PDB file of N, CA and C in Angstrom:
ATOM      1  N   MET A   1       3.733  -0.753  46.641  1.00  0.00           N
ATOM      2  CA  MET A   1       3.632  -0.710  45.204  1.00  0.00           C
ATOM      3  C   MET A   1       2.158  -0.523  44.815  1.00  0.00           C
ATOM      4  N   ALA A   2       1.887   0.426  43.920  1.00  0.00           N
ATOM      5  CA  ALA A   2       0.516   0.694  43.476  1.00  0.00           C
ATOM      6  C   ALA A   2       0.091  -0.335  42.434  1.00  0.00           C
ATOM      7  N   VAL A   3      -1.129  -0.798  42.563  1.00  0.00           N
ATOM      8  CA  VAL A   3      -1.703  -1.729  41.594  1.00  0.00           C
ATOM      9  C   VAL A   3      -2.717  -0.949  40.774  1.00  0.00           C
ATOM     10  N   LEU A   4      -2.551  -0.973  39.454  1.00  0.00           N
ATOM     11  CA  LEU A   4      -3.424  -0.214  38.568  1.00  0.00           C
ATOM     12  C   LEU A   4      -4.416  -1.136  37.875  1.00  0.00           C
ATOM     13  N   TYR A   5      -5.674  -0.751  37.928  1.00  0.00           N
ATOM     14  CA  TYR A   5      -6.720  -1.496  37.253  1.00  0.00           C
ATOM     15  C   TYR A   5      -7.406  -0.562  36.268  1.00  0.00           C
ATOM     16  N   SER A   6      -7.652  -1.054  35.078  1.00  0.00           N
ATOM     17  CA  SER A   6      -8.426  -0.271  34.115  1.00  0.00           C
ATOM     18  C   SER A   6      -8.971  -1.202  33.051  1.00  0.00           C
ATOM     19  N   ASN A   7      -9.832  -0.651  32.250  1.00  0.00           N
ATOM     20  CA  ASN A   7     -10.407  -1.378  31.127  1.00  0.00           C
ATOM     21  C   ASN A   7     -10.109  -0.606  29.850  1.00  0.00           C
ATOM     22  N   ALA A   8     -10.045  -1.315  28.740  1.00  0.00           N
ATOM     23  CA  ALA A   8      -9.788  -0.678  27.451  1.00  0.00           C
ATOM     24  C   ALA A   8     -10.718  -1.282  26.411  1.00  0.00           C
ATOM     25  N   LEU A   9     -11.169  -0.435  25.510  1.00  0.00           N
ATOM     26  CA  LEU A   9     -11.994  -0.869  24.388  1.00  0.00           C
ATOM     27  C   LEU A   9     -11.165  -0.674  23.126  1.00  0.00           C
ATOM     28  N   VAL A  10     -11.002  -1.728  22.355  1.00  0.00           N
ATOM     29  CA  VAL A  10     -10.217  -1.676  21.122  1.00  0.00           C
ATOM     30  C   VAL A  10     -11.167  -1.895  19.958  1.00  0.00           C
ATOM     31  N   LEU A  11     -11.173  -0.948  19.014  1.00  0.00           N
ATOM     32  CA  LEU A  11     -12.018  -1.048  17.827  1.00  0.00           C
ATOM     33  C   LEU A  11     -11.117  -1.084  16.610  1.00  0.00           C
ATOM     34  N   ARG A  12     -11.294  -2.095  15.771  1.00  0.00           N
ATOM     35  CA  ARG A  12     -10.519  -2.209  14.543  1.00  0.00           C
ATOM     36  C   ARG A  12     -11.487  -2.419  13.392  1.00  0.00           C
ATOM     37  N   VAL A  13     -11.463  -1.503  12.447  1.00  0.00           N
ATOM     38  CA  VAL A  13     -12.310  -1.625  11.264  1.00  0.00           C
ATOM     39  C   VAL A  13     -11.406  -2.073  10.127  1.00  0.00           C
ATOM     40  N   GLY A  14     -11.633  -3.281   9.669  1.00  0.00           N
ATOM     41  CA  GLY A  14     -10.787  -3.857   8.633  1.00  0.00           C
ATOM     42  C   GLY A  14     -11.489  -3.923   7.291  1.00  0.00           C
ATOM     43  N   GLY A  15     -10.944  -4.735   6.424  1.00  0.00           N
ATOM     44  CA  GLY A  15     -11.460  -4.854   5.067  1.00  0.00           C
ATOM     45  C   GLY A  15     -12.801  -5.542   4.979  1.00  0.00           C
ATOM     46  N   GLN A  16     -13.075  -6.440   5.889  1.00  0.00           N
ATOM     47  CA  GLN A  16     -14.315  -7.211   5.835  1.00  0.00           C
ATOM     48  C   GLN A  16     -15.207  -7.028   7.052  1.00  0.00           C
ATOM     49  N   THR A  17     -14.624  -6.759   8.206  1.00  0.00           N
ATOM     50  CA  THR A  17     -15.396  -6.690   9.445  1.00  0.00           C
ATOM     51  C   THR A  17     -14.910  -5.558  10.342  1.00  0.00           C
ATOM     52  N   ALA A  18     -15.706  -5.285  11.335  1.00  0.00           N
ATOM     53  CA  ALA A  18     -15.280  -4.420  12.439  1.00  0.00           C
ATOM     54  C   ALA A  18     -15.144  -5.340  13.651  1.00  0.00           C
ATOM     55  N   ASP A  19     -14.014  -5.264  14.321  1.00  0.00           N
ATOM     56  CA  ASP A  19     -13.765  -6.095  15.492  1.00  0.00           C
ATOM     57  C   ASP A  19     -13.719  -5.213  16.729  1.00  0.00           C
ATOM     58  N   VAL A  20     -14.405  -5.642  17.785  1.00  0.00           N
ATOM     59  CA  VAL A  20     -14.420  -4.914  19.046  1.00  0.00           C
ATOM     60  C   VAL A  20     -13.935  -5.866  20.134  1.00  0.00           C
ATOM     61  N   THR A  21     -12.965  -5.388  20.939  1.00  0.00           N
ATOM     62  CA  THR A  21     -12.418  -6.192  22.028  1.00  0.00           C
ATOM     63  C   THR A  21     -12.395  -5.351  23.297  1.00  0.00           C
ATOM     64  N   VAL A  22     -12.815  -5.950  24.401  1.00  0.00           N
ATOM     65  CA  VAL A  22     -12.732  -5.304  25.713  1.00  0.00           C
ATOM     66  C   VAL A  22     -11.616  -5.995  26.481  1.00  0.00           C
ATOM     67  N   LEU A  23     -10.658  -5.176  26.962  1.00  0.00           N
ATOM     68  CA  LEU A  23      -9.520  -5.695  27.719  1.00  0.00           C
ATOM     69  C   LEU A  23      -9.592  -5.220  29.164  1.00  0.00           C
ATOM     70  N   ALA A  24      -9.187  -6.073  30.088  1.00  0.00           N
ATOM     71  CA  ALA A  24      -8.988  -5.680  31.485  1.00  0.00           C
ATOM     72  C   ALA A  24      -7.478  -5.597  31.692  1.00  0.00           C
ATOM     73  N   VAL A  25      -7.019  -4.486  32.261  1.00  0.00           N
ATOM     74  CA  VAL A  25      -5.594  -4.275  32.484  1.00  0.00           C
ATOM     75  C   VAL A  25      -5.361  -4.244  33.990  1.00  0.00           C
ATOM     76  N   ASN A  26      -4.456  -5.082  34.458  1.00  0.00           N
ATOM     77  CA  ASN A  26      -4.161  -5.190  35.883  1.00  0.00           C
ATOM     78  C   ASN A  26      -2.651  -5.217  36.047  1.00  0.00           C
ATOM     79  N   SER A  27      -2.083  -4.095  36.477  1.00  0.00           N
ATOM     80  CA  SER A  27      -0.631  -3.977  36.699  1.00  0.00           C
ATOM     81  C   SER A  27       0.185  -4.420  35.486  1.00  0.00           C
ATOM     82  N   GLY A  28      -0.252  -3.985  34.316  1.00  0.00           N
ATOM     83  CA  GLY A  28       0.489  -4.295  33.100  1.00  0.00           C
ATOM     84  C   GLY A  28       0.116  -5.610  32.438  1.00  0.00           C
ATOM     85  N   MET A  29      -0.715  -6.405  33.077  1.00  0.00           N
ATOM     86  CA  MET A  29      -1.182  -7.673  32.495  1.00  0.00           C
ATOM     87  C   MET A  29      -2.517  -7.418  31.792  1.00  0.00           C
ATOM     88  N   TYR A  30      -2.643  -7.908  30.571  1.00  0.00           N
ATOM     89  CA  TYR A  30      -3.861  -7.716  29.781  1.00  0.00           C
ATOM     90  C   TYR A  30      -4.649  -9.016  29.737  1.00  0.00           C
ATOM     91  N   ARG A  31      -5.961  -8.901  29.925  1.00  0.00           N
ATOM     92  CA  ARG A  31      -6.841 -10.062  29.813  1.00  0.00           C
ATOM     93  C   ARG A  31      -8.001  -9.678  28.902  1.00  0.00           C
ATOM     94  N   VAL A  32      -8.255 -10.515  27.905  1.00  0.00           N
ATOM     95  CA  VAL A  32      -9.376 -10.267  27.000  1.00  0.00           C
ATOM     96  C   VAL A  32     -10.649 -10.658  27.723  1.00  0.00           C
ATOM     97  N   ARG A  33     -11.542  -9.681  27.880  1.00  0.00           N
ATOM     98  CA  ARG A  33     -12.812  -9.931  28.575  1.00  0.00           C
ATOM     99  C   ARG A  33     -13.916 -10.305  27.593  1.00  0.00           C
ATOM    100  N   ALA A  34     -13.877  -9.723  26.406  1.00  0.00           N
ATOM    101  CA  ALA A  34     -14.883 -10.034  25.392  1.00  0.00           C
ATOM    102  C   ALA A  34     -14.359  -9.584  24.039  1.00  0.00           C
ATOM    103  N   THR A  35     -14.798 -10.265  23.005  1.00  0.00           N
ATOM    104  CA  THR A  35     -14.449  -9.859  21.650  1.00  0.00           C
ATOM    105  C   THR A  35     -15.577 -10.272  20.712  1.00  0.00           C
ATOM    106  N   VAL A  36     -15.785  -9.459  19.697  1.00  0.00           N
ATOM    107  CA  VAL A  36     -16.829  -9.756  18.724  1.00  0.00           C
ATOM    108  C   VAL A  36     -16.422  -9.156  17.383  1.00  0.00           C
ATOM    109  N   ALA A  37     -16.803  -9.840  16.317  1.00  0.00           N
ATOM    110  CA  ALA A  37     -16.594  -9.339  14.959  1.00  0.00           C
ATOM    111  C   ALA A  37     -17.963  -9.037  14.360  1.00  0.00           C
ATOM    112  N   VAL A  38     -18.091  -7.868  13.758  1.00  0.00           N
ATOM    113  CA  VAL A  38     -19.358  -7.462  13.139  1.00  0.00           C
ATOM    114  C   VAL A  38     -19.157  -7.493  11.617  1.00  0.00           C
ATOM    115  N   PRO A  39     -19.660  -8.531  10.954  1.00  0.00           N
ATOM    116  CA  PRO A  39     -19.367  -8.688   9.521  1.00  0.00           C
ATOM    117  C   PRO A  39     -20.052  -7.657   8.626  1.00  0.00           C
ATOM    118  N   ASP A  40     -21.084  -6.989   9.130  1.00  0.00           N
ATOM    119  CA  ASP A  40     -21.805  -6.018   8.307  1.00  0.00           C
ATOM    120  C   ASP A  40     -21.235  -4.613   8.412  1.00  0.00           C
ATOM    121  N   LEU A  41     -20.097  -4.456   9.077  1.00  0.00           N
ATOM    122  CA  LEU A  41     -19.531  -3.126   9.272  1.00  0.00           C
ATOM    123  C   LEU A  41     -18.024  -3.191   9.058  1.00  0.00           C
ATOM    124  N   GLY A  42     -17.635  -2.952   7.842  1.00  0.00           N
ATOM    125  CA  GLY A  42     -16.207  -2.972   7.549  1.00  0.00           C
ATOM    126  C   GLY A  42     -15.950  -2.626   6.099  1.00  0.00           C
ATOM    127  N   GLY A  43     -14.719  -2.335   5.817  1.00  0.00           N
ATOM    128  CA  GLY A  43     -14.249  -2.119   4.460  1.00  0.00           C
ATOM    129  C   GLY A  43     -15.112  -1.215   3.618  1.00  0.00           C
ATOM    130  N   ARG A  44     -15.690  -1.764   2.594  1.00  0.00           N
ATOM    131  CA  ARG A  44     -16.449  -1.012   1.590  1.00  0.00           C
ATOM    132  C   ARG A  44     -17.654  -0.291   2.208  1.00  0.00           C
ATOM    133  N   ILE A  45     -18.308  -0.915   3.174  1.00  0.00           N
ATOM    134  CA  ILE A  45     -19.485  -0.303   3.791  1.00  0.00           C
ATOM    135  C   ILE A  45     -19.096   0.987   4.504  1.00  0.00           C
ATOM    136  N   VAL A  46     -18.008   0.946   5.274  1.00  0.00           N
ATOM    137  CA  VAL A  46     -17.539   2.136   5.983  1.00  0.00           C
ATOM    138  C   VAL A  46     -17.112   3.203   4.981  1.00  0.00           C
ATOM    139  N   ASP A  47     -16.397   2.801   3.937  1.00  0.00           N
ATOM    140  CA  ASP A  47     -15.983   3.746   2.892  1.00  0.00           C
ATOM    141  C   ASP A  47     -17.186   4.451   2.280  1.00  0.00           C
ATOM    142  N   ASP A  48     -18.221   3.680   1.955  1.00  0.00           N
ATOM    143  CA  ASP A  48     -19.419   4.255   1.331  1.00  0.00           C
ATOM    144  C   ASP A  48     -20.114   5.257   2.252  1.00  0.00           C
ATOM    145  N   VAL A  49     -20.230   4.927   3.531  1.00  0.00           N
ATOM    146  CA  VAL A  49     -20.877   5.827   4.495  1.00  0.00           C
ATOM    147  C   VAL A  49     -20.074   7.120   4.641  1.00  0.00           C
ATOM    148  N   LEU A  50     -18.750   7.012   4.723  1.00  0.00           N
ATOM    149  CA  LEU A  50     -17.909   8.205   4.841  1.00  0.00           C
ATOM    150  C   LEU A  50     -17.994   9.078   3.591  1.00  0.00           C
ATOM    151  N   VAL A  51     -17.969   8.476   2.422  1.00  0.00           N
ATOM    152  CA  VAL A  51     -18.070   9.246   1.174  1.00  0.00           C
ATOM    153  C   VAL A  51     -19.412   9.964   1.109  1.00  0.00           C
ATOM    154  N   GLU A  52     -20.498   9.281   1.442  1.00  0.00           N
ATOM    155  CA  GLU A  52     -21.815   9.920   1.434  1.00  0.00           C
ATOM    156  C   GLU A  52     -21.868  11.086   2.409  1.00  0.00           C
ATOM    157  N   HIS A  53     -21.324  10.902   3.603  1.00  0.00           N
ATOM    158  CA  HIS A  53     -21.344  11.956   4.611  1.00  0.00           C
ATOM    159  C   HIS A  53     -20.572  13.183   4.138  1.00  0.00           C
ATOM    160  N   PHE A  54     -19.341  12.985   3.691  1.00  0.00           N
ATOM    161  CA  PHE A  54     -18.512  14.123   3.307  1.00  0.00           C
ATOM    162  C   PHE A  54     -18.987  14.757   1.999  1.00  0.00           C
ATOM    163  N   ALA A  55     -19.582  13.995   1.106  1.00  0.00           N
ATOM    164  CA  ALA A  55     -20.158  14.584  -0.105  1.00  0.00           C
ATOM    165  C   ALA A  55     -21.326  15.497   0.262  1.00  0.00           C
ATOM    166  N   ALA A  56     -22.167  15.069   1.205  1.00  0.00           N
ATOM    167  CA  ALA A  56     -23.284  15.901   1.654  1.00  0.00           C
ATOM    168  C   ALA A  56     -22.773  17.156   2.357  1.00  0.00           C
ATOM    169  N   GLU A  57     -21.739  17.028   3.193  1.00  0.00           N
ATOM    170  CA  GLU A  57     -21.164  18.189   3.866  1.00  0.00           C
ATOM    171  C   GLU A  57     -20.546  19.160   2.867  1.00  0.00           C
ATOM    172  N   PHE A  58     -19.858  18.652   1.860  1.00  0.00           N
ATOM    173  CA  PHE A  58     -19.246  19.499   0.840  1.00  0.00           C
ATOM    174  C   PHE A  58     -20.326  20.217   0.033  1.00  0.00           C
ATOM    175  N   GLN A  59     -21.397  19.510  -0.308  1.00  0.00           N
ATOM    176  CA  GLN A  59     -22.507  20.127  -1.043  1.00  0.00           C
ATOM    177  C   GLN A  59     -23.147  21.232  -0.203  1.00  0.00           C
ATOM    178  N   ARG A  60     -23.319  20.979   1.086  1.00  0.00           N
ATOM    179  CA  ARG A  60     -23.883  21.987   1.984  1.00  0.00           C
ATOM    180  C   ARG A  60     -22.963  23.202   2.063  1.00  0.00           C
ATOM    181  N   PHE A  61     -21.664  22.972   2.134  1.00  0.00           N
ATOM    182  CA  PHE A  61     -20.694  24.045   2.162  1.00  0.00           C
ATOM    183  C   PHE A  61     -20.748  24.878   0.884  1.00  0.00           C
ATOM    184  N   LEU A  62     -20.803  24.198  -0.258  1.00  0.00           N
ATOM    185  CA  LEU A  62     -20.858  24.911  -1.544  1.00  0.00           C
ATOM    186  C   LEU A  62     -22.132  25.753  -1.670  1.00  0.00           C
ATOM    187  N   SER A  63     -23.232  25.218  -1.206  1.00  0.00           N
ATOM    188  CA  SER A  63     -24.495  25.963  -1.300  1.00  0.00           C
ATOM    189  C   SER A  63     -24.471  27.180  -0.366  1.00  0.00           C
ATOM    190  N   SER A  64     -23.777  27.090   0.763  1.00  0.00           N
ATOM    191  CA  SER A  64     -23.693  28.248   1.658  1.00  0.00           C
ATOM    192  C   SER A  64     -22.806  29.329   1.054  1.00  0.00           C
ATOM    193  N   ILE A  65     -21.794  28.964   0.290  1.00  0.00           N
ATOM    194  CA  ILE A  65     -20.949  29.953  -0.376  1.00  0.00           C
ATOM    195  C   ILE A  65     -21.740  30.668  -1.459  1.00  0.00           C
ATOM    196  N   ALA A  66     -22.550  29.927  -2.215  1.00  0.00           N
ATOM    197  CA  ALA A  66     -23.327  30.525  -3.298  1.00  0.00           C
ATOM    198  C   ALA A  66     -24.354  31.503  -2.747  1.00  0.00           C
ATOM    199  N   VAL A  67     -24.929  31.203  -1.594  1.00  0.00           N
ATOM    200  CA  VAL A  67     -25.923  32.093  -0.979  1.00  0.00           C
ATOM    201  C   VAL A  67     -25.242  33.361  -0.457  1.00  0.00           C
ATOM    202  N   ASP A  68     -24.029  33.211   0.073  1.00  0.00           N
ATOM    203  CA  ASP A  68     -23.305  34.361   0.634  1.00  0.00           C
ATOM    204  C   ASP A  68     -22.808  35.319  -0.441  1.00  0.00           C
ATOM    205  N   SER A  69     -22.593  34.841  -1.652  1.00  0.00           N
ATOM    206  CA  SER A  69     -22.018  35.675  -2.715  1.00  0.00           C
ATOM    207  C   SER A  69     -23.005  36.628  -3.320  1.00  0.00           C
TER     208      SER A  69
END
């Protein structure tokens, strides 16, 4: 019978925090190796960063269309 070993990284960005968990997987058994919550990275902060990024990309796209016309 083959025994499988691997590791997994689980990232969950929630309303208030971002949670990161490292799991060790051994033949279907999961063991939590480490976990941490980052209170400065979640919810509204992530939303704001994404909106700023895509607004800048959209503005760049619009300016390239105006130059091409």
